[in-house]
Amino acid sequence: MKPILDNANLLSAESARTQYGAICWRTSATGLDVLLITTRDTGRWIVPKGWPIKDCVGPEVAAREAWEEAGVEGKVCDTCLGVFSYQKLLPEDRSVPCVVAVYGLKVEKLSRRYPEQHQRQRRWFAAHDAAILVAEPGLSTLLMALETSTQEICLKDKSMLSPPVHLLRI
């Protein structure tokens, strides 16, 4: 099998890559809202996610991606809400399977200026609506279950990381 170059690592096409993502949420008068962003290439709705970062644990990576891709500042839950898989499209019509560990992030502030502000759109949706908009079935399932799981895990979770996202070590 011909290896593919992805994220500066050579992998075979069968090797699944790990990513970390954030389900950014807030409570509103109508229930739980989820912040979705668009992909840079196709404009699909997704949650912020990215590759592992040296010396950072999953929740820290998820929070950093939420800051860079959506301008989110808040508290990230130490507990993984779940995982979903998808095919990451690469140049030359290639792809690599990815598994994304997702962490809840309670949004405290949305910054006007953030690293990818000109590359993506961001928008709040009711959790149910967000589940319909995303293309990945596993992510859709996680979003559908969010009404109860985020409240149970993150609202009561004493292990939430509290430093502002942009102050986390790089």
Protein backbone atom coordinates (compact mmCIF):
# COMPACT_ATOMS: atom_id res chain seq x y z
CA MET A 1 0.00 0.00 0.00
CA LYS A 2 1.36 3.41 -0.94
CA PRO A 3 1.86 5.61 2.18
CA ILE A 4 0.16 8.99 2.35
CA LEU A 5 1.57 12.18 3.82
CA ASP A 6 -0.72 13.64 6.45
CA ASN A 7 0.14 16.05 9.25
CA ALA A 8 3.88 15.47 8.69
CA ASN A 9 3.55 11.73 9.38
CA LEU A 10 3.65 8.85 6.91
CA LEU A 11 0.75 6.45 7.37
CA SER A 12 -0.79 3.62 5.47
CA ALA A 13 -4.33 4.17 4.26
CA GLU A 14 -5.62 1.71 6.89
CA SER A 15 -4.20 3.66 9.86
CA ALA A 16 -6.85 5.67 11.67
CA ARG A 17 -5.74 9.05 12.99
CA THR A 18 -6.86 10.54 16.28
CA GLN A 19 -8.23 14.05 16.54
CA TYR A 20 -9.76 16.00 19.41
CA GLY A 21 -12.88 18.12 19.08
CA ALA A 22 -15.07 20.44 21.11
CA ILE A 23 -18.82 20.60 21.28
CA CYS A 24 -19.16 24.26 22.22
CA TRP A 25 -22.45 24.88 24.03
CA ARG A 26 -24.52 27.40 25.97
CA THR A 27 -27.91 27.38 27.61
CA SER A 28 -30.64 29.61 26.24
CA ALA A 29 -34.30 30.28 26.92
CA THR A 30 -35.19 27.51 24.47
CA GLY A 31 -32.73 24.89 25.75
CA LEU A 32 -29.22 23.94 24.78
CA ASP A 33 -27.47 25.63 21.85
CA VAL A 34 -24.42 24.31 20.00
CA LEU A 35 -21.91 26.39 18.07
CA LEU A 36 -21.05 24.93 14.67
CA ILE A 37 -18.40 26.15 12.25
CA THR A 38 -17.91 25.58 8.56
CA THR A 39 -15.05 23.64 7.04
CA ARG A 40 -12.52 25.70 5.12
CA ASP A 41 -12.86 23.70 1.89
CA THR A 42 -16.48 22.58 1.42
CA GLY A 43 -18.39 24.80 3.85
CA ARG A 44 -19.97 21.83 5.68
CA TRP A 45 -21.07 22.37 9.28
CA ILE A 46 -18.78 20.72 11.86
CA VAL A 47 -17.47 21.18 15.40
CA PRO A 48 -13.97 22.57 16.01
CA LYS A 49 -11.43 19.74 15.91
CA GLY A 50 -7.79 19.12 15.22
CA TRP A 51 -4.70 16.99 15.47
CA PRO A 52 -2.95 16.13 18.74
CA ILE A 53 -0.51 18.74 20.06
CA LYS A 54 2.72 17.74 21.80
CA ASP A 55 2.49 17.97 25.62
CA CYS A 56 -1.27 18.68 25.55
CA VAL A 57 -4.04 16.33 26.64
CA GLY A 58 -7.26 15.84 24.66
CA PRO A 59 -9.38 18.49 26.42
CA GLU A 60 -6.63 21.09 26.03
CA VAL A 61 -6.36 20.36 22.31
CA ALA A 62 -10.15 20.58 21.92
CA ALA A 63 -10.21 23.94 23.71
CA ARG A 64 -7.35 25.29 21.64
CA GLU A 65 -9.04 24.24 18.39
CA ALA A 66 -12.27 25.92 19.57
CA TRP A 67 -10.31 29.13 20.13
CA GLU A 68 -8.43 29.01 16.82
CA GLU A 69 -11.36 27.94 14.63
CA ALA A 70 -14.30 29.67 16.36
CA GLY A 71 -12.98 32.27 18.81
CA VAL A 72 -14.46 30.39 21.77
CA GLU A 73 -13.33 31.05 25.32
CA GLY A 74 -14.76 28.96 28.12
CA LYS A 75 -14.37 25.91 30.28
CA VAL A 76 -13.73 22.52 28.75
CA CYS A 77 -14.86 19.32 30.40
CA ASP A 78 -12.16 16.79 31.28
CA THR A 79 -14.55 13.93 30.48
CA CYS A 80 -14.86 12.79 26.87
CA LEU A 81 -18.48 12.99 25.72
CA GLY A 82 -17.90 10.36 23.05
CA VAL A 83 -16.18 9.66 19.75
CA PHE A 84 -17.12 9.78 16.09
CA SER A 85 -15.33 8.80 12.91
CA TYR A 86 -15.05 10.34 9.46
CA GLN A 87 -12.86 10.31 6.36
CA LYS A 88 -10.47 13.27 6.22
CA LEU A 89 -10.08 14.32 2.61
CA LEU A 90 -6.51 14.86 1.44
CA PRO A 91 -5.03 16.26 -1.76
CA GLU A 92 -5.08 14.15 -4.91
CA ASP A 93 -8.40 12.45 -4.09
CA ARG A 94 -6.99 10.59 -1.11
CA SER A 95 -8.36 10.30 2.42
CA VAL A 96 -7.47 8.96 5.84
CA PRO A 97 -9.87 7.58 8.45
CA CYS A 98 -10.06 9.71 11.61
CA VAL A 99 -11.52 9.09 15.04
CA VAL A 100 -12.43 12.24 16.97
CA ALA A 101 -12.68 12.28 20.78
CA VAL A 102 -15.14 15.05 21.65
CA TYR A 103 -15.19 17.19 24.81
CA GLY A 104 -17.88 19.58 25.98
CA LEU A 105 -16.88 23.22 26.20
CA LYS A 106 -19.16 25.66 28.00
CA VAL A 107 -18.86 28.93 26.07
CA GLU A 108 -18.27 31.97 28.23
CA LYS A 109 -17.18 34.37 25.51
CA LEU A 110 -17.04 34.53 21.71
CA SER A 111 -14.18 36.72 20.53
CA ARG A 112 -14.57 38.91 17.50
CA ARG A 113 -10.96 38.30 16.52
CA TYR A 114 -9.45 34.83 16.38
CA PRO A 115 -6.94 33.04 14.14
CA GLU A 116 -9.36 31.56 11.56
CA GLN A 117 -12.06 34.25 11.60
CA HIS A 118 -11.75 34.93 7.86
CA GLN A 119 -11.69 31.25 6.89
CA ARG A 120 -14.87 29.94 8.55
CA GLN A 121 -18.39 30.88 9.51
CA ARG A 122 -19.76 30.17 12.98
CA ARG A 123 -23.39 29.98 14.06
CA TRP A 124 -25.45 28.89 17.05
CA PHE A 125 -28.03 26.12 16.55
CA ALA A 126 -30.36 24.23 18.84
CA ALA A 127 -28.66 20.89 19.60
CA HIS A 128 -31.32 18.98 17.62
CA ASP A 129 -30.90 21.25 14.59
CA ALA A 130 -27.11 20.96 14.79
CA ALA A 131 -27.46 17.16 14.77
CA ILE A 132 -29.41 17.38 11.51
CA LEU A 133 -26.90 19.75 9.86
CA VAL A 134 -23.69 17.78 10.41
CA ALA A 135 -22.79 15.11 7.87
CA GLU A 136 -21.07 12.65 10.22
CA PRO A 137 -23.61 10.16 11.68
CA GLY A 138 -21.59 9.62 14.86
CA LEU A 139 -21.36 13.34 15.53
CA SER A 140 -25.07 13.68 14.84
CA THR A 141 -25.80 11.01 17.46
CA LEU A 142 -23.62 12.81 20.02
CA LEU A 143 -25.39 16.10 19.35
CA MET A 144 -28.83 14.48 19.67
CA ALA A 145 -27.83 13.14 23.10
CA LEU A 146 -26.33 16.46 24.16
CA GLU A 147 -29.40 17.84 25.91
CA THR A 148 -28.86 15.41 28.79
CA SER A 149 -25.21 14.39 28.60
CA THR A 150 -23.71 17.90 28.69
CA GLN A 151 -25.88 18.90 31.60
CA GLU A 152 -25.04 15.72 33.50
CA ILE A 153 -21.31 15.63 32.71
CA CYS A 154 -20.17 19.22 32.29
CA LEU A 155 -22.48 21.33 34.40
CA LYS A 156 -21.67 19.21 37.45
CA ASP A 157 -18.12 18.20 36.48
CA LYS A 158 -15.61 19.63 38.94
CA SER A 159 -12.74 18.70 36.61
CA MET A 160 -13.37 21.41 34.03
CA LEU A 161 -10.24 23.19 32.86
CA SER A 162 -10.63 26.86 33.64
CA PRO A 163 -7.76 28.92 32.16
CA PRO A 164 -8.80 30.99 29.15
CA VAL A 165 -8.24 28.92 26.04
CA HIS A 166 -5.77 31.32 24.45
CA LEU A 167 -3.54 31.09 27.55
CA LEU A 168 -3.09 27.32 27.34
CA ARG A 169 0.48 26.34 26.59
CA ILE A 170 1.35 25.90 22.96
